[in-house]
């Protein structure tokens, strides 16, 4: 199976969103809807910067534009880190959300960033 980087990034984002929604569902069942909302917000703090990174990382392709590929990759990664920190700062200072579900949603989405490529590239 030949999967391009853009297709893999889209799949990864879908898996991260699914992990976020499953975490929110767990908090909805175990706790309440406010905790579920916090889990969704936490997941979005991970997913949204990854979307921005993917847009930058795959803006250019091909051997002729290799310098642009590297530049856009590093710019996307820098922006992702800044956006993640900014979103955390905004959410923690502006919203009174429970911290355990918030961080659980974030960690669930973040964990998929590491696990999904292994699962998605599996050829069986």
PDB file of N, CA and C in Angstrom:
ATOM      1  N   UNK A   1       0.849  -1.172   0.000  1.00  0.00           N
ATOM      2  CA  UNK A   1       0.000   0.000   0.000  1.00  0.00           C
ATOM      3  C   UNK A   1       0.896   1.238   0.000  1.00  0.00           C
ATOM      4  N   UNK A   2       0.708   2.101  -0.981  1.00  0.00           N
ATOM      5  CA  UNK A   2       1.480   3.325  -1.087  1.00  0.00           C
ATOM      6  C   UNK A   2       0.628   4.479  -0.569  1.00  0.00           C
ATOM      7  N   UNK A   3       0.992   4.993   0.576  1.00  0.00           N
ATOM      8  CA  UNK A   3       0.223   6.069   1.202  1.00  0.00           C
ATOM      9  C   UNK A   3       1.073   7.331   1.186  1.00  0.00           C
ATOM     10  N   UNK A   4       0.529   8.395   0.623  1.00  0.00           N
ATOM     11  CA  UNK A   4       1.262   9.658   0.608  1.00  0.00           C
ATOM     12  C   UNK A   4       1.231  10.298   1.989  1.00  0.00           C
ATOM     13  N   UNK A   5       2.126  11.252   2.194  1.00  0.00           N
ATOM     14  CA  UNK A   5       2.194  11.952   3.473  1.00  0.00           C
ATOM     15  C   UNK A   5       0.902  12.664   3.821  1.00  0.00           C
ATOM     16  N   UNK A   6       0.272  13.285   2.836  1.00  0.00           N
ATOM     17  CA  UNK A   6      -0.983  13.995   3.096  1.00  0.00           C
ATOM     18  C   UNK A   6      -2.078  13.036   3.540  1.00  0.00           C
ATOM     19  N   UNK A   7      -2.156  11.893   2.881  1.00  0.00           N
ATOM     20  CA  UNK A   7      -3.173  10.904   3.254  1.00  0.00           C
ATOM     21  C   UNK A   7      -2.924  10.372   4.655  1.00  0.00           C
ATOM     22  N   UNK A   8      -1.673  10.122   4.980  1.00  0.00           N
ATOM     23  CA  UNK A   8      -1.327   9.633   6.306  1.00  0.00           C
ATOM     24  C   UNK A   8      -1.642  10.690   7.364  1.00  0.00           C
ATOM     25  N   UNK A   9      -1.367  11.947   7.065  1.00  0.00           N
ATOM     26  CA  UNK A   9      -1.677  13.037   8.003  1.00  0.00           C
ATOM     27  C   UNK A   9      -3.178  13.136   8.233  1.00  0.00           C
ATOM     28  N   UNK A  10      -3.966  13.001   7.178  1.00  0.00           N
ATOM     29  CA  UNK A  10      -5.429  13.037   7.334  1.00  0.00           C
ATOM     30  C   UNK A  10      -5.914  11.885   8.207  1.00  0.00           C
ATOM     31  N   UNK A  11      -5.367  10.715   7.973  1.00  0.00           N
ATOM     32  CA  UNK A  11      -5.752   9.550   8.786  1.00  0.00           C
ATOM     33  C   UNK A  11      -5.372   9.763  10.243  1.00  0.00           C
ATOM     34  N   UNK A  12      -4.176  10.291  10.459  1.00  0.00           N
ATOM     35  CA  UNK A  12      -3.724  10.551  11.820  1.00  0.00           C
ATOM     36  C   UNK A  12      -4.657  11.532  12.521  1.00  0.00           C
ATOM     37  N   UNK A  13      -5.041  12.588  11.833  1.00  0.00           N
ATOM     38  CA  UNK A  13      -5.948  13.570  12.430  1.00  0.00           C
ATOM     39  C   UNK A  13      -7.299  12.934  12.754  1.00  0.00           C
ATOM     40  N   UNK A  14      -7.786  12.067  11.866  1.00  0.00           N
ATOM     41  CA  UNK A  14      -9.054  11.361  12.140  1.00  0.00           C
ATOM     42  C   UNK A  14      -8.939  10.471  13.370  1.00  0.00           C
ATOM     43  N   UNK A  15      -7.816   9.783  13.490  1.00  0.00           N
ATOM     44  CA  UNK A  15      -7.602   8.905  14.648  1.00  0.00           C
ATOM     45  C   UNK A  15      -7.509   9.734  15.928  1.00  0.00           C
ATOM     46  N   UNK A  16      -6.854  10.889  15.848  1.00  0.00           N
ATOM     47  CA  UNK A  16      -6.761  11.759  17.023  1.00  0.00           C
ATOM     48  C   UNK A  16      -8.143  12.282  17.434  1.00  0.00           C
ATOM     49  N   UNK A  17      -8.942  12.642  16.460  1.00  0.00           N
ATOM     50  CA  UNK A  17     -10.302  13.116  16.755  1.00  0.00           C
ATOM     51  C   UNK A  17     -11.123  11.987  17.365  1.00  0.00           C
ATOM     52  N   UNK A  18     -10.984  10.793  16.828  1.00  0.00           N
ATOM     53  CA  UNK A  18     -11.700   9.636  17.372  1.00  0.00           C
ATOM     54  C   UNK A  18     -11.272   9.366  18.815  1.00  0.00           C
ATOM     55  N   UNK A  19      -9.985   9.414  19.093  1.00  0.00           N
ATOM     56  CA  UNK A  19      -9.493   9.206  20.460  1.00  0.00           C
ATOM     57  C   UNK A  19     -10.044  10.276  21.404  1.00  0.00           C
ATOM     58  N   UNK A  20     -10.116  11.505  20.921  1.00  0.00           N
ATOM     59  CA  UNK A  20     -10.673  12.591  21.723  1.00  0.00           C
ATOM     60  C   UNK A  20     -12.142  12.339  22.030  1.00  0.00           C
ATOM     61  N   UNK A  21     -12.893  11.934  21.010  1.00  0.00           N
ATOM     62  CA  UNK A  21     -14.322  11.680  21.216  1.00  0.00           C
ATOM     63  C   UNK A  21     -14.565  10.486  22.133  1.00  0.00           C
ATOM     64  N   UNK A  22     -13.740   9.458  22.019  1.00  0.00           N
ATOM     65  CA  UNK A  22     -13.881   8.303  22.911  1.00  0.00           C
ATOM     66  C   UNK A  22     -13.550   8.681  24.355  1.00  0.00           C
ATOM     67  N   UNK A  23     -12.554   9.531  24.533  1.00  0.00           N
ATOM     68  CA  UNK A  23     -12.218  10.008  25.877  1.00  0.00           C
ATOM     69  C   UNK A  23     -13.369  10.833  26.439  1.00  0.00           C
ATOM     70  N   UNK A  24     -13.944  11.678  25.612  1.00  0.00           N
ATOM     71  CA  UNK A  24     -15.089  12.492  26.047  1.00  0.00           C
ATOM     72  C   UNK A  24     -16.280  11.599  26.395  1.00  0.00           C
ATOM     73  N   UNK A  25     -16.513  10.577  25.594  1.00  0.00           N
ATOM     74  CA  UNK A  25     -17.611   9.647  25.870  1.00  0.00           C
ATOM     75  C   UNK A  25     -17.389   8.941  27.207  1.00  0.00           C
ATOM     76  N   UNK A  26     -16.160   8.542  27.461  1.00  0.00           N
ATOM     77  CA  UNK A  26     -15.837   7.910  28.739  1.00  0.00           C
ATOM     78  C   UNK A  26     -16.149   8.847  29.906  1.00  0.00           C
ATOM     79  N   UNK A  27     -15.756  10.106  29.801  1.00  0.00           N
ATOM     80  CA  UNK A  27     -16.048  11.064  30.864  1.00  0.00           C
ATOM     81  C   UNK A  27     -17.543  11.369  30.963  1.00  0.00           C
ATOM     82  N   UNK A  28     -18.233  11.323  29.843  1.00  0.00           N
ATOM     83  CA  UNK A  28     -19.681  11.534  29.869  1.00  0.00           C
ATOM     84  C   UNK A  28     -20.366  10.416  30.638  1.00  0.00           C
ATOM     85  N   UNK A  29     -19.936   9.194  30.409  1.00  0.00           N
ATOM     86  CA  UNK A  29     -20.538   8.033  31.082  1.00  0.00           C
ATOM     87  C   UNK A  29     -20.140   7.982  32.556  1.00  0.00           C
ATOM     88  N   UNK A  30     -18.867   8.215  32.837  1.00  0.00           N
ATOM     89  CA  UNK A  30     -18.358   8.066  34.203  1.00  0.00           C
ATOM     90  C   UNK A  30     -18.643   9.291  35.064  1.00  0.00           C
ATOM     91  N   UNK A  31     -18.595  10.477  34.472  1.00  0.00           N
ATOM     92  CA  UNK A  31     -18.696  11.693  35.279  1.00  0.00           C
ATOM     93  C   UNK A  31     -19.905  12.544  34.858  1.00  0.00           C
ATOM     94  N   UNK A  32     -19.690  13.503  33.946  1.00  0.00           N
ATOM     95  CA  UNK A  32     -20.775  14.382  33.507  1.00  0.00           C
ATOM     96  C   UNK A  32     -20.424  15.048  32.177  1.00  0.00           C
ATOM     97  N   UNK A  33     -21.370  15.811  31.649  1.00  0.00           N
ATOM     98  CA  UNK A  33     -21.167  16.442  30.342  1.00  0.00           C
ATOM     99  C   UNK A  33     -20.118  17.551  30.401  1.00  0.00           C
ATOM    100  N   UNK A  34     -19.968  18.201  31.534  1.00  0.00           N
ATOM    101  CA  UNK A  34     -18.954  19.246  31.673  1.00  0.00           C
ATOM    102  C   UNK A  34     -17.549  18.648  31.558  1.00  0.00           C
ATOM    103  N   UNK A  35     -17.357  17.483  32.145  1.00  0.00           N
ATOM    104  CA  UNK A  35     -16.071  16.785  32.035  1.00  0.00           C
ATOM    105  C   UNK A  35     -15.838  16.312  30.604  1.00  0.00           C
ATOM    106  N   UNK A  36     -16.902  15.866  29.949  1.00  0.00           N
ATOM    107  CA  UNK A  36     -16.785  15.446  28.549  1.00  0.00           C
ATOM    108  C   UNK A  36     -16.374  16.626  27.676  1.00  0.00           C
ATOM    109  N   UNK A  37     -16.951  17.779  27.926  1.00  0.00           N
ATOM    110  CA  UNK A  37     -16.576  18.987  27.191  1.00  0.00           C
ATOM    111  C   UNK A  37     -15.106  19.326  27.420  1.00  0.00           C
ATOM    112  N   UNK A  38     -14.652  19.185  28.649  1.00  0.00           N
ATOM    113  CA  UNK A  38     -13.248  19.459  28.960  1.00  0.00           C
ATOM    114  C   UNK A  38     -12.332  18.503  28.192  1.00  0.00           C
ATOM    115  N   UNK A  39     -12.732  17.241  28.080  1.00  0.00           N
ATOM    116  CA  UNK A  39     -11.930  16.267  27.326  1.00  0.00           C
ATOM    117  C   UNK A  39     -11.870  16.641  25.848  1.00  0.00           C
ATOM    118  N   UNK A  40     -12.975  17.120  25.307  1.00  0.00           N
ATOM    119  CA  UNK A  40     -12.995  17.547  23.908  1.00  0.00           C
ATOM    120  C   UNK A  40     -12.080  18.746  23.706  1.00  0.00           C
ATOM    121  N   UNK A  41     -12.149  19.712  24.602  1.00  0.00           N
ATOM    122  CA  UNK A  41     -11.283  20.887  24.509  1.00  0.00           C
ATOM    123  C   UNK A  41      -9.815  20.466  24.602  1.00  0.00           C
ATOM    124  N   UNK A  42      -9.503  19.564  25.520  1.00  0.00           N
ATOM    125  CA  UNK A  42      -8.139  19.073  25.647  1.00  0.00           C
ATOM    126  C   UNK A  42      -7.655  18.399  24.380  1.00  0.00           C
ATOM    127  N   UNK A  43      -8.513  17.584  23.771  1.00  0.00           N
ATOM    128  CA  UNK A  43      -8.150  16.938  22.520  1.00  0.00           C
ATOM    129  C   UNK A  43      -7.928  17.942  21.403  1.00  0.00           C
ATOM    130  N   UNK A  44      -8.759  18.966  21.363  1.00  0.00           N
ATOM    131  CA  UNK A  44      -8.608  19.985  20.326  1.00  0.00           C
ATOM    132  C   UNK A  44      -7.318  20.780  20.488  1.00  0.00           C
ATOM    133  N   UNK A  45      -6.848  20.899  21.738  1.00  0.00           N
ATOM    134  CA  UNK A  45      -5.573  21.586  21.960  1.00  0.00           C
ATOM    135  C   UNK A  45      -4.439  20.821  21.284  1.00  0.00           C
ATOM    136  N   UNK A  46      -4.605  19.549  21.090  1.00  0.00           N
ATOM    137  CA  UNK A  46      -3.607  18.748  20.371  1.00  0.00           C
ATOM    138  C   UNK A  46      -3.900  18.682  18.875  1.00  0.00           C
ATOM    139  N   UNK A  47      -5.160  18.517  18.512  1.00  0.00           N
ATOM    140  CA  UNK A  47      -5.534  18.294  17.111  1.00  0.00           C
ATOM    141  C   UNK A  47      -5.356  19.551  16.255  1.00  0.00           C
ATOM    142  N   UNK A  48      -5.798  20.692  16.749  1.00  0.00           N
ATOM    143  CA  UNK A  48      -5.743  21.926  15.951  1.00  0.00           C
ATOM    144  C   UNK A  48      -4.301  22.285  15.573  1.00  0.00           C
ATOM    145  N   UNK A  49      -3.347  22.283  16.511  1.00  0.00           N
ATOM    146  CA  UNK A  49      -1.965  22.559  16.099  1.00  0.00           C
ATOM    147  C   UNK A  49      -1.418  21.515  15.116  1.00  0.00           C
ATOM    148  N   UNK A  50      -1.853  20.273  15.250  1.00  0.00           N
ATOM    149  CA  UNK A  50      -1.416  19.255  14.292  1.00  0.00           C
ATOM    150  C   UNK A  50      -1.965  19.522  12.898  1.00  0.00           C
ATOM    151  N   UNK A  51      -3.172  20.048  12.813  1.00  0.00           N
ATOM    152  CA  UNK A  51      -3.735  20.426  11.509  1.00  0.00           C
ATOM    153  C   UNK A  51      -2.900  21.535  10.873  1.00  0.00           C
ATOM    154  N   UNK A  52      -2.521  22.510  11.689  1.00  0.00           N
ATOM    155  CA  UNK A  52      -1.695  23.618  11.196  1.00  0.00           C
ATOM    156  C   UNK A  52      -0.337  23.090  10.733  1.00  0.00           C
ATOM    157  N   UNK A  53       0.259  22.210  11.536  1.00  0.00           N
ATOM    158  CA  UNK A  53       1.537  21.619  11.158  1.00  0.00           C
ATOM    159  C   UNK A  53       1.420  20.870   9.837  1.00  0.00           C
ATOM    160  N   UNK A  54       0.377  20.069   9.688  1.00  0.00           N
ATOM    161  CA  UNK A  54       0.200  19.297   8.454  1.00  0.00           C
ATOM    162  C   UNK A  54       0.069  20.213   7.245  1.00  0.00           C
ATOM    163  N   UNK A  55      -0.635  21.321   7.401  1.00  0.00           N
ATOM    164  CA  UNK A  55      -0.779  22.272   6.299  1.00  0.00           C
ATOM    165  C   UNK A  55       0.581  22.834   5.885  1.00  0.00           C
ATOM    166  N   UNK A  56       1.403  23.154   6.866  1.00  0.00           N
ATOM    167  CA  UNK A  56       2.744  23.664   6.560  1.00  0.00           C
ATOM    168  C   UNK A  56       3.643  22.562   6.015  1.00  0.00           C
ATOM    169  N   UNK A  57       3.634  21.406   6.656  1.00  0.00           N
ATOM    170  CA  UNK A  57       4.563  20.330   6.305  1.00  0.00           C
ATOM    171  C   UNK A  57       4.349  19.819   4.888  1.00  0.00           C
ATOM    172  N   UNK A  58       3.120  19.849   4.421  1.00  0.00           N
ATOM    173  CA  UNK A  58       2.834  19.316   3.096  1.00  0.00           C
ATOM    174  C   UNK A  58       2.482  20.403   2.086  1.00  0.00           C
ATOM    175  N   UNK A  59       2.936  21.612   2.359  1.00  0.00           N
ATOM    176  CA  UNK A  59       2.691  22.707   1.422  1.00  0.00           C
ATOM    177  C   UNK A  59       3.517  22.550   0.155  1.00  0.00           C
ATOM    178  N   UNK A  60       4.686  21.946   0.263  1.00  0.00           N
ATOM    179  CA  UNK A  60       5.578  21.745  -0.878  1.00  0.00           C
ATOM    180  C   UNK A  60       5.938  20.268  -0.977  1.00  0.00           C
ATOM    181  N   UNK A  61       6.286  19.846  -2.172  1.00  0.00           N
ATOM    182  CA  UNK A  61       6.710  18.459  -2.382  1.00  0.00           C
ATOM    183  C   UNK A  61       7.671  18.411  -3.561  1.00  0.00           C
ATOM    184  N   UNK A  62       8.466  17.367  -3.594  1.00  0.00           N
ATOM    185  CA  UNK A  62       9.359  17.158  -4.722  1.00  0.00           C
ATOM    186  C   UNK A  62      10.786  17.552  -4.428  1.00  0.00           C
ATOM    187  N   UNK A  63      11.674  16.974  -5.208  1.00  0.00           N
ATOM    188  CA  UNK A  63      13.107  17.197  -5.009  1.00  0.00           C
ATOM    189  C   UNK A  63      13.513  18.631  -5.327  1.00  0.00           C
ATOM    190  N   UNK A  64      12.846  19.249  -6.283  1.00  0.00           N
ATOM    191  CA  UNK A  64      13.214  20.623  -6.668  1.00  0.00           C
ATOM    192  C   UNK A  64      12.927  21.636  -5.577  1.00  0.00           C
ATOM    193  N   UNK A  65      11.979  21.327  -4.735  1.00  0.00           N
ATOM    194  CA  UNK A  65      11.626  22.275  -3.676  1.00  0.00           C
ATOM    195  C   UNK A  65      12.046  21.760  -2.300  1.00  0.00           C
ATOM    196  N   UNK A  66      13.147  21.025  -2.234  1.00  0.00           N
ATOM    197  CA  UNK A  66      13.564  20.405  -0.975  1.00  0.00           C
ATOM    198  C   UNK A  66      13.852  21.439   0.115  1.00  0.00           C
ATOM    199  N   UNK A  67      14.433  22.576  -0.241  1.00  0.00           N
ATOM    200  CA  UNK A  67      14.691  23.608   0.764  1.00  0.00           C
ATOM    201  C   UNK A  67      13.389  24.188   1.299  1.00  0.00           C
ATOM    202  N   UNK A  68      12.421  24.381   0.419  1.00  0.00           N
ATOM    203  CA  UNK A  68      11.119  24.877   0.862  1.00  0.00           C
ATOM    204  C   UNK A  68      10.416  23.853   1.751  1.00  0.00           C
ATOM    205  N   UNK A  69      10.570  22.585   1.435  1.00  0.00           N
ATOM    206  CA  UNK A  69       9.970  21.519   2.243  1.00  0.00           C
ATOM    207  C   UNK A  69      10.539  21.579   3.656  1.00  0.00           C
ATOM    208  N   UNK A  70      11.850  21.685   3.775  1.00  0.00           N
ATOM    209  CA  UNK A  70      12.491  21.726   5.090  1.00  0.00           C
ATOM    210  C   UNK A  70      12.073  22.977   5.848  1.00  0.00           C
ATOM    211  N   UNK A  71      12.081  24.122   5.171  1.00  0.00           N
ATOM    212  CA  UNK A  71      11.681  25.378   5.822  1.00  0.00           C
ATOM    213  C   UNK A  71      10.241  25.317   6.309  1.00  0.00           C
ATOM    214  N   UNK A  72       9.339  24.838   5.460  1.00  0.00           N
ATOM    215  CA  UNK A  72       7.933  24.793   5.855  1.00  0.00           C
ATOM    216  C   UNK A  72       7.702  23.774   6.968  1.00  0.00           C
ATOM    217  N   UNK A  73       8.470  22.682   6.957  1.00  0.00           N
ATOM    218  CA  UNK A  73       8.361  21.685   8.017  1.00  0.00           C
ATOM    219  C   UNK A  73       8.744  22.300   9.363  1.00  0.00           C
ATOM    220  N   UNK A  74       9.892  22.983   9.417  1.00  0.00           N
ATOM    221  CA  UNK A  74      10.333  23.590  10.665  1.00  0.00           C
ATOM    222  C   UNK A  74       9.423  24.746  11.085  1.00  0.00           C
ATOM    223  N   UNK A  75       8.938  25.513  10.134  1.00  0.00           N
ATOM    224  CA  UNK A  75       8.001  26.591  10.471  1.00  0.00           C
ATOM    225  C   UNK A  75       6.717  26.010  11.046  1.00  0.00           C
ATOM    226  N   UNK A  76       6.227  24.934  10.438  1.00  0.00           N
ATOM    227  CA  UNK A  76       5.018  24.280  10.934  1.00  0.00           C
ATOM    228  C   UNK A  76       5.204  23.729  12.330  1.00  0.00           C
ATOM    229  N   UNK A  77       6.352  23.114  12.589  1.00  0.00           N
ATOM    230  CA  UNK A  77       6.623  22.558  13.918  1.00  0.00           C
ATOM    231  C   UNK A  77       6.728  23.668  14.961  1.00  0.00           C
ATOM    232  N   UNK A  78       7.397  24.755  14.624  1.00  0.00           N
ATOM    233  CA  UNK A  78       7.498  25.881  15.549  1.00  0.00           C
ATOM    234  C   UNK A  78       6.135  26.477  15.855  1.00  0.00           C
ATOM    235  N   UNK A  79       5.345  26.661  14.807  1.00  0.00           N
ATOM    236  CA  UNK A  79       4.004  27.203  14.992  1.00  0.00           C
ATOM    237  C   UNK A  79       3.141  26.253  15.813  1.00  0.00           C
ATOM    238  N   UNK A  80       3.302  24.958  15.600  1.00  0.00           N
ATOM    239  CA  UNK A  80       2.542  23.957  16.363  1.00  0.00           C
ATOM    240  C   UNK A  80       2.843  24.070  17.855  1.00  0.00           C
ATOM    241  N   UNK A  81       4.113  24.216  18.201  1.00  0.00           N
ATOM    242  CA  UNK A  81       4.498  24.326  19.609  1.00  0.00           C
ATOM    243  C   UNK A  81       3.941  25.613  20.219  1.00  0.00           C
ATOM    244  N   UNK A  82       4.085  26.713  19.502  1.00  0.00           N
ATOM    245  CA  UNK A  82       3.577  27.999  19.986  1.00  0.00           C
ATOM    246  C   UNK A  82       2.061  27.964  20.124  1.00  0.00           C
ATOM    247  N   UNK A  83       1.379  27.396  19.147  1.00  0.00           N
ATOM    248  CA  UNK A  83      -0.085  27.312  19.173  1.00  0.00           C
ATOM    249  C   UNK A  83      -0.559  26.422  20.316  1.00  0.00           C
ATOM    250  N   UNK A  84       0.118  25.306  20.548  1.00  0.00           N
ATOM    251  CA  UNK A  84      -0.252  24.421  21.658  1.00  0.00           C
ATOM    252  C   UNK A  84      -0.121  25.160  22.990  1.00  0.00           C
ATOM    253  N   UNK A  85       0.997  25.831  23.191  1.00  0.00           N
ATOM    254  CA  UNK A  85       1.205  26.581  24.437  1.00  0.00           C
ATOM    255  C   UNK A  85       0.177  27.698  24.574  1.00  0.00           C
ATOM    256  N   UNK A  86      -0.094  28.398  23.482  1.00  0.00           N
ATOM    257  CA  UNK A  86      -1.075  29.484  23.515  1.00  0.00           C
ATOM    258  C   UNK A  86      -2.479  28.995  23.807  1.00  0.00           C
ATOM    259  N   UNK A  87      -2.851  27.865  23.204  1.00  0.00           N
ATOM    260  CA  UNK A  87      -4.180  27.307  23.465  1.00  0.00           C
ATOM    261  C   UNK A  87      -4.306  26.855  24.918  1.00  0.00           C
ATOM    262  N   UNK A  88      -3.265  26.209  25.432  1.00  0.00           N
ATOM    263  CA  UNK A  88      -3.292  25.820  26.847  1.00  0.00           C
ATOM    264  C   UNK A  88      -3.414  27.048  27.735  1.00  0.00           C
ATOM    265  N   UNK A  89      -2.638  28.068  27.459  1.00  0.00           N
ATOM    266  CA  UNK A  89      -2.677  29.284  28.276  1.00  0.00           C
ATOM    267  C   UNK A  89      -4.065  29.921  28.226  1.00  0.00           C
ATOM    268  N   UNK A  90      -4.634  30.000  27.036  1.00  0.00           N
ATOM    269  CA  UNK A  90      -5.966  30.604  26.897  1.00  0.00           C
ATOM    270  C   UNK A  90      -7.028  29.800  27.627  1.00  0.00           C
ATOM    271  N   UNK A  91      -7.010  28.494  27.424  1.00  0.00           N
ATOM    272  CA  UNK A  91      -8.026  27.639  28.051  1.00  0.00           C
ATOM    273  C   UNK A  91      -7.889  27.662  29.570  1.00  0.00           C
ATOM    274  N   UNK A  92      -6.669  27.537  30.069  1.00  0.00           N
ATOM    275  CA  UNK A  92      -6.478  27.508  31.519  1.00  0.00           C
ATOM    276  C   UNK A  92      -6.794  28.843  32.183  1.00  0.00           C
ATOM    277  N   UNK A  93      -6.595  29.945  31.463  1.00  0.00           N
ATOM    278  CA  UNK A  93      -6.866  31.249  32.074  1.00  0.00           C
ATOM    279  C   UNK A  93      -8.298  31.732  31.854  1.00  0.00           C
ATOM    280  N   UNK A  94      -8.942  31.296  30.783  1.00  0.00           N
ATOM    281  CA  UNK A  94     -10.275  31.814  30.462  1.00  0.00           C
ATOM    282  C   UNK A  94     -11.419  30.874  30.825  1.00  0.00           C
ATOM    283  N   UNK A  95     -11.162  29.578  30.837  1.00  0.00           N
ATOM    284  CA  UNK A  95     -12.229  28.614  31.093  1.00  0.00           C
ATOM    285  C   UNK A  95     -11.972  27.871  32.397  1.00  0.00           C
ATOM    286  N   UNK A  96     -13.008  27.665  33.140  1.00  0.00           N
ATOM    287  CA  UNK A  96     -12.884  26.928  34.403  1.00  0.00           C
ATOM    288  C   UNK A  96     -13.269  25.470  34.160  1.00  0.00           C
ATOM    289  N   UNK A  97     -12.423  24.772  33.426  1.00  0.00           N
ATOM    290  CA  UNK A  97     -12.693  23.375  33.105  1.00  0.00           C
ATOM    291  C   UNK A  97     -11.952  22.465  34.077  1.00  0.00           C
ATOM    292  N   UNK A  98     -12.521  21.300  34.360  1.00  0.00           N
ATOM    293  CA  UNK A  98     -11.803  20.351  35.224  1.00  0.00           C
ATOM    294  C   UNK A  98     -10.526  19.872  34.543  1.00  0.00           C
ATOM    295  N   UNK A  99      -9.438  19.843  35.285  1.00  0.00           N
ATOM    296  CA  UNK A  99      -8.124  19.572  34.704  1.00  0.00           C
ATOM    297  C   UNK A  99      -7.916  18.122  34.282  1.00  0.00           C
ATOM    298  N   UNK A 100      -8.414  17.173  35.045  1.00  0.00           N
ATOM    299  CA  UNK A 100      -8.193  15.757  34.698  1.00  0.00           C
ATOM    300  C   UNK A 100      -8.780  15.413  33.324  1.00  0.00           C
ATOM    301  N   UNK A 101     -10.031  15.760  33.043  1.00  0.00           N
ATOM    302  CA  UNK A 101     -10.558  15.473  31.699  1.00  0.00           C
ATOM    303  C   UNK A 101      -9.856  16.282  30.604  1.00  0.00           C
ATOM    304  N   UNK A 102      -9.508  17.532  30.912  1.00  0.00           N
ATOM    305  CA  UNK A 102      -8.823  18.375  29.935  1.00  0.00           C
ATOM    306  C   UNK A 102      -7.502  17.729  29.508  1.00  0.00           C
ATOM    307  N   UNK A 103      -6.693  17.356  30.480  1.00  0.00           N
ATOM    308  CA  UNK A 103      -5.405  16.742  30.162  1.00  0.00           C
ATOM    309  C   UNK A 103      -5.570  15.330  29.609  1.00  0.00           C
ATOM    310  N   UNK A 104      -6.620  14.622  30.014  1.00  0.00           N
ATOM    311  CA  UNK A 104      -6.873  13.282  29.471  1.00  0.00           C
ATOM    312  C   UNK A 104      -7.187  13.359  27.980  1.00  0.00           C
ATOM    313  N   UNK A 105      -7.992  14.325  27.582  1.00  0.00           N
ATOM    314  CA  UNK A 105      -8.290  14.512  26.164  1.00  0.00           C
ATOM    315  C   UNK A 105      -7.047  14.868  25.374  1.00  0.00           C
ATOM    316  N   UNK A 106      -6.230  15.734  25.948  1.00  0.00           N
ATOM    317  CA  UNK A 106      -4.981  16.127  25.291  1.00  0.00           C
ATOM    318  C   UNK A 106      -4.050  14.930  25.143  1.00  0.00           C
ATOM    319  N   UNK A 107      -3.865  14.173  26.207  1.00  0.00           N
ATOM    320  CA  UNK A 107      -2.955  13.029  26.186  1.00  0.00           C
ATOM    321  C   UNK A 107      -3.463  11.940  25.245  1.00  0.00           C
ATOM    322  N   UNK A 108      -4.776  11.725  25.204  1.00  0.00           N
ATOM    323  CA  UNK A 108      -5.339  10.712  24.300  1.00  0.00           C
ATOM    324  C   UNK A 108      -5.033  11.068  22.848  1.00  0.00           C
ATOM    325  N   UNK A 109      -5.235  12.326  22.486  1.00  0.00           N
ATOM    326  CA  UNK A 109      -4.940  12.757  21.114  1.00  0.00           C
ATOM    327  C   UNK A 109      -3.438  12.714  20.845  1.00  0.00           C
ATOM    328  N   UNK A 110      -2.659  13.134  21.811  1.00  0.00           N
ATOM    329  CA  UNK A 110      -1.206  13.135  21.661  1.00  0.00           C
ATOM    330  C   UNK A 110      -0.664  11.710  21.533  1.00  0.00           C
ATOM    331  N   UNK A 111      -1.218  10.784  22.294  1.00  0.00           N
ATOM    332  CA  UNK A 111      -0.779   9.388  22.221  1.00  0.00           C
ATOM    333  C   UNK A 111      -1.027   8.813  20.835  1.00  0.00           C
ATOM    334  N   UNK A 112      -2.106   9.221  20.206  1.00  0.00           N
ATOM    335  CA  UNK A 112      -2.403   8.734  18.855  1.00  0.00           C
ATOM    336  C   UNK A 112      -1.380   9.246  17.850  1.00  0.00           C
ATOM    337  N   UNK A 113      -0.800  10.397  18.148  1.00  0.00           N
ATOM    338  CA  UNK A 113       0.237  10.937  17.274  1.00  0.00           C
ATOM    339  C   UNK A 113       1.431   9.978  17.218  1.00  0.00           C
ATOM    340  N   UNK A 114       1.660   9.249  18.296  1.00  0.00           N
ATOM    341  CA  UNK A 114       2.768   8.298  18.345  1.00  0.00           C
ATOM    342  C   UNK A 114       2.333   6.893  17.922  1.00  0.00           C
ATOM    343  N   UNK A 115       1.130   6.491  18.278  1.00  0.00           N
ATOM    344  CA  UNK A 115       0.683   5.124  18.012  1.00  0.00           C
ATOM    345  C   UNK A 115       0.071   4.929  16.632  1.00  0.00           C
ATOM    346  N   UNK A 116      -0.656   5.908  16.149  1.00  0.00           N
ATOM    347  CA  UNK A 116      -1.369   5.757  14.878  1.00  0.00           C
ATOM    348  C   UNK A 116      -0.453   5.475  13.691  1.00  0.00           C
ATOM    349  N   UNK A 117       0.688   6.137  13.559  1.00  0.00           N
ATOM    350  CA  UNK A 117       1.534   5.808  12.402  1.00  0.00           C
ATOM    351  C   UNK A 117       1.943   4.338  12.368  1.00  0.00           C
ATOM    352  N   UNK A 118       2.184   3.752  13.519  1.00  0.00           N
ATOM    353  CA  UNK A 118       2.531   2.330  13.576  1.00  0.00           C
ATOM    354  C   UNK A 118       1.334   1.498  13.114  1.00  0.00           C
ATOM    355  N   UNK A 119       0.161   1.861  13.590  1.00  0.00           N
ATOM    356  CA  UNK A 119      -1.049   1.109  13.244  1.00  0.00           C
ATOM    357  C   UNK A 119      -1.468   1.344  11.792  1.00  0.00           C
ATOM    358  N   UNK A 120      -1.326   2.576  11.320  1.00  0.00           N
ATOM    359  CA  UNK A 120      -1.775   2.910   9.974  1.00  0.00           C
ATOM    360  C   UNK A 120      -0.856   2.375   8.890  1.00  0.00           C
ATOM    361  N   UNK A 121       0.402   2.170   9.213  1.00  0.00           N
ATOM    362  CA  UNK A 121       1.357   1.666   8.219  1.00  0.00           C
ATOM    363  C   UNK A 121       1.443   0.147   8.213  1.00  0.00           C
ATOM    364  N   UNK A 122       0.725  -0.479   9.139  1.00  0.00           N
ATOM    365  CA  UNK A 122       0.730  -1.940   9.211  1.00  0.00           C
ATOM    366  C   UNK A 122       0.130  -2.489   7.912  1.00  0.00           C
ATOM    367  N   UNK A 123       0.823  -3.414   7.292  1.00  0.00           N
ATOM    368  CA  UNK A 123       0.394  -3.885   5.966  1.00  0.00           C
ATOM    369  C   UNK A 123      -0.459  -5.129   6.004  1.00  0.00           C
ATOM    370  N   UNK A 124      -0.816  -5.632   7.184  1.00  0.00           N
ATOM    371  CA  UNK A 124      -1.646  -6.844   7.247  1.00  0.00           C
ATOM    372  C   UNK A 124      -3.094  -6.520   7.341  1.00  0.00           C
TER     373      UNK A 124
END
